[in-house]
Protein backbone atom coordinates (compact mmCIF):
# COMPACT_ATOMS: atom_id res chain seq x y z
CA MET A 1 -49.30 117.04 -65.01
CA LEU A 2 -51.45 119.55 -66.88
CA ARG A 3 -50.59 123.15 -66.07
CA ILE A 4 -53.54 125.52 -66.12
CA MET A 5 -52.59 128.94 -67.40
CA THR A 6 -54.52 132.14 -66.90
CA GLN A 7 -51.84 134.37 -68.35
CA VAL A 8 -48.91 134.32 -70.74
CA PRO A 9 -45.82 132.49 -69.35
CA ALA A 10 -43.39 134.60 -67.27
CA LYS A 11 -40.29 134.36 -69.48
CA THR A 12 -42.15 135.72 -72.50
CA LYS A 13 -40.38 138.17 -74.81
CA PHE A 14 -43.27 138.61 -77.25
CA SER A 15 -46.98 137.84 -77.07
CA GLU A 16 -49.88 138.38 -79.47
CA SER A 17 -53.58 137.64 -79.12
CA LEU A 18 -55.14 135.12 -81.52
CA GLY A 19 -58.72 136.18 -81.04
CA ASP A 20 -60.77 136.33 -77.87
CA SER A 21 -59.31 133.42 -75.96
CA ARG A 22 -55.98 132.33 -77.44
CA TYR A 23 -52.47 133.72 -77.68
CA VAL A 24 -49.11 132.98 -79.22
CA SER A 25 -45.95 133.88 -77.33
CA VAL A 26 -42.19 133.56 -77.77
CA ASP A 27 -40.00 133.07 -74.73
CA VAL A 28 -36.35 133.92 -74.06
CA ASP A 29 -35.33 130.45 -75.33
CA ARG A 30 -37.16 131.17 -78.63
CA ASP A 31 -39.74 128.49 -77.96
CA VAL A 32 -43.24 129.30 -79.20
CA THR A 33 -46.32 128.68 -77.07
CA ILE A 34 -49.86 128.69 -78.41
CA GLY A 35 -52.22 128.78 -75.45
CA ASP A 36 -55.72 129.34 -74.19
CA PHE A 37 -56.67 132.06 -71.68
CA ASN A 38 -59.88 130.24 -70.66
CA ASN A 39 -58.32 128.06 -67.93
CA SER A 40 -58.66 124.97 -70.11
CA GLY A 41 -54.99 124.16 -69.63
CA LYS A 42 -54.61 123.66 -73.37
CA ARG A 43 -51.32 124.83 -74.77
CA THR A 44 -48.74 123.79 -77.31
CA LEU A 45 -45.01 124.39 -76.96
CA LEU A 46 -43.13 124.30 -80.26
CA THR A 47 -39.38 124.59 -80.64
CA THR A 48 -38.09 127.20 -83.08
CA PRO A 49 -37.51 124.68 -85.93
CA ARG A 50 -41.03 123.29 -85.52
CA TRP A 51 -42.52 126.79 -85.51
CA VAL A 52 -40.60 127.58 -88.72
CA ARG A 53 -41.99 124.41 -90.36
CA LEU A 54 -45.51 125.41 -89.31
CA VAL A 55 -45.13 128.95 -90.72
CA GLU A 56 -43.68 127.56 -93.97
CA GLU A 57 -46.77 125.36 -94.35
CA MET A 58 -49.34 128.11 -93.70
CA ASP A 59 -50.38 128.49 -97.36
CA GLN A 60 -51.20 124.77 -97.61
CA ILE A 61 -53.04 124.87 -94.26
CA ASP A 62 -55.05 127.88 -95.48
CA SER A 63 -55.92 126.01 -98.70
CA ALA A 64 -57.10 122.98 -96.71
CA VAL A 65 -59.22 125.25 -94.48
CA GLU A 66 -60.79 126.91 -97.54
CA CYS A 67 -61.66 123.49 -99.04
CA ALA A 68 -63.14 122.27 -95.76
CA ALA A 69 -65.16 125.49 -95.39
CA MET A 70 -66.66 124.87 -98.85
CA LEU A 71 -67.60 121.34 -97.67
CA ILE A 72 -65.00 119.77 -99.96
CA PRO A 73 -63.70 116.67 -98.15
CA THR A 74 -60.13 117.15 -96.97
CA GLN A 75 -57.72 114.72 -95.35
CA TYR A 76 -54.96 117.25 -94.73
CA LYS A 77 -52.42 116.39 -92.04
CA PHE A 78 -49.02 118.08 -91.73
CA HIS A 79 -46.15 116.65 -89.66
CA VAL A 80 -44.42 119.49 -87.80
CA GLY A 81 -41.79 117.28 -86.17
CA ALA A 82 -41.45 114.59 -83.50
CA ASN A 83 -45.01 113.66 -82.45
CA TRP A 84 -46.61 116.99 -83.52
CA PHE A 85 -49.15 117.13 -86.35
CA ILE A 86 -51.52 119.75 -87.78
CA PRO A 87 -54.70 118.09 -89.10
CA VAL A 88 -57.48 120.04 -90.79
CA SER A 89 -60.98 118.61 -90.84
CA GLY A 90 -64.35 119.87 -91.93
CA ALA A 91 -66.56 116.93 -91.13
CA PHE A 92 -69.37 119.06 -89.73
CA ALA A 93 -71.20 121.55 -91.91
CA ARG A 94 -69.26 124.81 -91.94
CA ASP A 95 -67.28 123.93 -88.79
CA VAL A 96 -63.63 123.77 -89.76
CA CYS A 97 -61.15 122.53 -87.19
CA VAL A 98 -57.41 123.20 -87.27
CA CYS A 99 -55.66 121.46 -84.40
CA VAL A 100 -52.14 121.25 -83.13
CA CYS A 101 -51.93 117.65 -81.94
CA ARG A 102 -49.27 115.72 -80.14
CA TYR A 103 -49.51 111.96 -80.45
CA ILE A 104 -47.98 109.86 -77.70
CA ALA A 105 -47.02 106.27 -78.39
CA ILE A 106 -48.21 103.84 -75.76
CA ALA A 107 -46.22 100.64 -75.56
C-alpha cells in the first residue's frame, strides 16, 4: 500500500528541506527518508548503511549530473544496496534526472 505523506514522519529527529517540495529526514532508528510534500506518495526509506554509501558516492553522482547537463551521454547507475539504485540520465535536452529507484523482482 502506498502511503501518502503531507508532512515529515512522526518519529523524526532531524529534517531538512531539499527545495520547494522535497525533504530528507532521519528518524529515531537512524533510517533516512527522502520524501515529497506534494501528496504524490513518493518517498524512499534508506537504512543507515545505504545512506552512507549514497553520501560516499556523491562526488561521482555530481560528475555524472554535470556530464548529463552538458549533453554528454551518461550511463551512470550506482547500486546503493539490496534493490536500490541511483541512475543519472540526461536523455532530454538540459533535463537531468537523478532518481532513487527500487527494483522489485517479479517471479
